Amino acid sequence: MAYLTAEEYAEFFNLNDAPAEFESLEHTARGSVDLNTRNLYHFVKLENEPEHRRQAVKLAMAYQIRY
């Protein structure tokens, strides 16, 4: 499950498109988020979490991808 889509990423940074290597970067960023959340979202669906948590995960993903 992707925590952040390419479209959300592009919208977040006001870009026309996400980077060509977005899928690879998303996969790597997801590993970082999973490490920091102790794999919580392997057991709890992100879409069932409160809005502020969903946005925090998406923000973390976007900045990790951009880094």
N, C-alpha and C. Protein backbone atom coordinates (compact mmCIF):
# COMPACT_ATOMS: atom_id res chain seq x y z
N MET A 1 0.83 -1.18 0.00
CA MET A 1 0.00 0.00 0.00
C MET A 1 0.88 1.25 0.00
N ALA A 2 0.61 2.14 -0.89
CA ALA A 2 1.35 3.39 -0.94
C ALA A 2 0.78 4.38 0.06
N TYR A 3 1.64 5.01 0.82
CA TYR A 3 1.19 6.02 1.77
C TYR A 3 0.95 7.35 1.06
N LEU A 4 1.59 7.53 -0.09
CA LEU A 4 1.50 8.78 -0.83
C LEU A 4 1.54 8.45 -2.32
N THR A 5 0.60 8.98 -3.07
CA THR A 5 0.59 8.74 -4.51
C THR A 5 1.45 9.79 -5.22
N ALA A 6 1.80 9.51 -6.45
CA ALA A 6 2.57 10.46 -7.25
C ALA A 6 1.78 11.76 -7.43
N GLU A 7 0.48 11.64 -7.59
CA GLU A 7 -0.36 12.82 -7.77
C GLU A 7 -0.37 13.68 -6.50
N GLU A 8 -0.46 13.03 -5.35
CA GLU A 8 -0.44 13.76 -4.08
C GLU A 8 0.91 14.44 -3.89
N TYR A 9 1.98 13.75 -4.25
CA TYR A 9 3.31 14.33 -4.13
C TYR A 9 3.43 15.59 -4.99
N ALA A 10 3.03 15.48 -6.25
CA ALA A 10 3.11 16.62 -7.16
C ALA A 10 2.26 17.78 -6.65
N GLU A 11 1.08 17.47 -6.14
CA GLU A 11 0.20 18.51 -5.61
C GLU A 11 0.81 19.16 -4.36
N PHE A 12 1.42 18.36 -3.51
CA PHE A 12 2.01 18.86 -2.27
C PHE A 12 3.08 19.91 -2.56
N PHE A 13 3.93 19.66 -3.56
CA PHE A 13 5.02 20.58 -3.90
C PHE A 13 4.68 21.49 -5.08
N ASN A 14 3.41 21.48 -5.49
CA ASN A 14 2.94 22.34 -6.58
C ASN A 14 3.76 22.10 -7.86
N LEU A 15 3.89 20.82 -8.22
CA LEU A 15 4.63 20.41 -9.42
C LEU A 15 3.65 19.92 -10.48
N ASN A 16 4.08 19.93 -11.71
CA ASN A 16 3.24 19.37 -12.78
C ASN A 16 3.21 17.85 -12.71
N ASP A 17 4.36 17.25 -12.42
CA ASP A 17 4.48 15.80 -12.34
C ASP A 17 5.42 15.42 -11.22
N ALA A 18 5.25 14.20 -10.73
CA ALA A 18 6.19 13.64 -9.76
C ALA A 18 7.45 13.23 -10.52
N PRO A 19 8.57 13.05 -9.82
CA PRO A 19 9.79 12.61 -10.51
C PRO A 19 9.60 11.26 -11.19
N ALA A 20 10.34 11.03 -12.24
CA ALA A 20 10.22 9.79 -13.02
C ALA A 20 10.50 8.57 -12.14
N GLU A 21 11.38 8.69 -11.18
CA GLU A 21 11.74 7.57 -10.31
C GLU A 21 10.88 7.54 -9.04
N PHE A 22 9.69 8.12 -9.09
CA PHE A 22 8.83 8.23 -7.91
C PHE A 22 8.59 6.88 -7.25
N GLU A 23 8.28 5.84 -8.00
CA GLU A 23 7.95 4.54 -7.40
C GLU A 23 9.10 4.01 -6.55
N SER A 24 10.31 4.12 -7.05
CA SER A 24 11.47 3.66 -6.30
C SER A 24 11.69 4.51 -5.06
N LEU A 25 11.55 5.82 -5.21
CA LEU A 25 11.72 6.72 -4.07
C LEU A 25 10.62 6.50 -3.03
N GLU A 26 9.40 6.24 -3.49
CA GLU A 26 8.28 6.00 -2.58
C GLU A 26 8.53 4.73 -1.77
N HIS A 27 9.04 3.72 -2.42
CA HIS A 27 9.34 2.45 -1.75
C HIS A 27 10.38 2.66 -0.65
N THR A 28 11.43 3.41 -0.94
CA THR A 28 12.48 3.69 0.04
C THR A 28 11.94 4.54 1.19
N ALA A 29 11.16 5.56 0.85
CA ALA A 29 10.59 6.43 1.88
C ALA A 29 9.63 5.66 2.78
N ARG A 30 8.87 4.74 2.19
CA ARG A 30 7.95 3.92 2.98
C ARG A 30 8.72 3.11 4.03
N GLY A 31 9.88 2.62 3.66
CA GLY A 31 10.71 1.88 4.62
C GLY A 31 11.11 2.76 5.79
N SER A 32 11.44 4.01 5.52
CA SER A 32 11.81 4.95 6.58
C SER A 32 10.62 5.25 7.49
N VAL A 33 9.46 5.47 6.89
CA VAL A 33 8.25 5.74 7.69
C VAL A 33 7.89 4.50 8.51
N ASP A 34 7.98 3.33 7.90
CA ASP A 34 7.67 2.10 8.64
C ASP A 34 8.61 1.92 9.83
N LEU A 35 9.88 2.22 9.63
CA LEU A 35 10.85 2.10 10.71
C LEU A 35 10.47 3.03 11.87
N ASN A 36 10.10 4.25 11.54
CA ASN A 36 9.78 5.23 12.57
C ASN A 36 8.42 5.02 13.22
N THR A 37 7.52 4.33 12.54
CA THR A 37 6.21 4.05 13.13
C THR A 37 6.13 2.62 13.65
N ARG A 38 7.27 1.93 13.63
CA ARG A 38 7.35 0.54 14.09
C ARG A 38 6.34 -0.34 13.36
N ASN A 39 6.22 -0.11 12.05
CA ASN A 39 5.34 -0.89 11.17
C ASN A 39 3.87 -0.82 11.55
N LEU A 40 3.47 0.23 12.24
CA LEU A 40 2.09 0.38 12.67
C LEU A 40 1.11 0.21 11.51
N TYR A 41 1.45 0.79 10.37
CA TYR A 41 0.50 0.78 9.25
C TYR A 41 0.54 -0.51 8.44
N HIS A 42 1.23 -1.50 8.96
CA HIS A 42 1.09 -2.86 8.43
C HIS A 42 -0.10 -3.54 9.09
N PHE A 43 -0.50 -3.01 10.24
CA PHE A 43 -1.58 -3.61 11.03
C PHE A 43 -2.82 -2.73 11.12
N VAL A 44 -2.64 -1.43 10.97
CA VAL A 44 -3.72 -0.46 11.05
C VAL A 44 -3.81 0.23 9.70
N LYS A 45 -4.99 0.32 9.14
CA LYS A 45 -5.15 0.97 7.84
C LYS A 45 -5.02 2.49 8.02
N LEU A 46 -4.14 3.06 7.24
CA LEU A 46 -3.91 4.50 7.31
C LEU A 46 -5.19 5.28 7.04
N GLU A 47 -6.00 4.80 6.10
CA GLU A 47 -7.23 5.53 5.77
C GLU A 47 -8.24 5.52 6.91
N ASN A 48 -8.06 4.66 7.91
CA ASN A 48 -8.95 4.63 9.07
C ASN A 48 -8.44 5.51 10.21
N GLU A 49 -7.26 6.07 10.05
CA GLU A 49 -6.68 6.94 11.07
C GLU A 49 -7.29 8.34 10.98
N PRO A 50 -7.20 9.13 12.07
CA PRO A 50 -7.68 10.51 12.03
C PRO A 50 -6.93 11.32 10.96
N GLU A 51 -7.57 12.33 10.46
CA GLU A 51 -7.02 13.14 9.37
C GLU A 51 -5.63 13.68 9.71
N HIS A 52 -5.40 14.14 10.92
CA HIS A 52 -4.09 14.71 11.25
C HIS A 52 -2.98 13.67 11.18
N ARG A 53 -3.27 12.42 11.49
CA ARG A 53 -2.26 11.36 11.37
C ARG A 53 -2.00 11.03 9.90
N ARG A 54 -3.05 10.94 9.11
CA ARG A 54 -2.88 10.66 7.68
C ARG A 54 -2.01 11.75 7.05
N GLN A 55 -2.30 12.99 7.37
CA GLN A 55 -1.54 14.10 6.80
C GLN A 55 -0.09 14.09 7.28
N ALA A 56 0.14 13.71 8.53
CA ALA A 56 1.50 13.64 9.05
C ALA A 56 2.32 12.58 8.31
N VAL A 57 1.71 11.44 8.04
CA VAL A 57 2.40 10.38 7.31
C VAL A 57 2.67 10.82 5.88
N LYS A 58 1.70 11.44 5.26
CA LYS A 58 1.89 11.93 3.88
C LYS A 58 2.98 13.00 3.82
N LEU A 59 3.01 13.88 4.81
CA LEU A 59 4.04 14.92 4.89
C LEU A 59 5.41 14.28 5.05
N ALA A 60 5.52 13.31 5.95
CA ALA A 60 6.80 12.62 6.16
C ALA A 60 7.25 11.92 4.88
N MET A 61 6.32 11.29 4.20
CA MET A 61 6.65 10.62 2.94
C MET A 61 7.13 11.62 1.89
N ALA A 62 6.42 12.72 1.75
CA ALA A 62 6.77 13.70 0.73
C ALA A 62 8.17 14.26 0.97
N TYR A 63 8.47 14.61 2.20
CA TYR A 63 9.80 15.16 2.48
C TYR A 63 10.89 14.10 2.38
N GLN A 64 10.59 12.88 2.73
CA GLN A 64 11.58 11.81 2.58
C GLN A 64 11.86 11.55 1.11
N ILE A 65 10.84 11.58 0.28
CA ILE A 65 11.04 11.39 -1.16
C ILE A 65 11.84 12.55 -1.74
N ARG A 66 11.51 13.74 -1.31
CA ARG A 66 12.20 14.92 -1.84
C ARG A 66 13.67 14.93 -1.42
N TYR A 67 13.96 14.40 -0.24
CA TYR A 67 15.33 14.38 0.28
C TYR A 67 16.19 13.51 -0.60
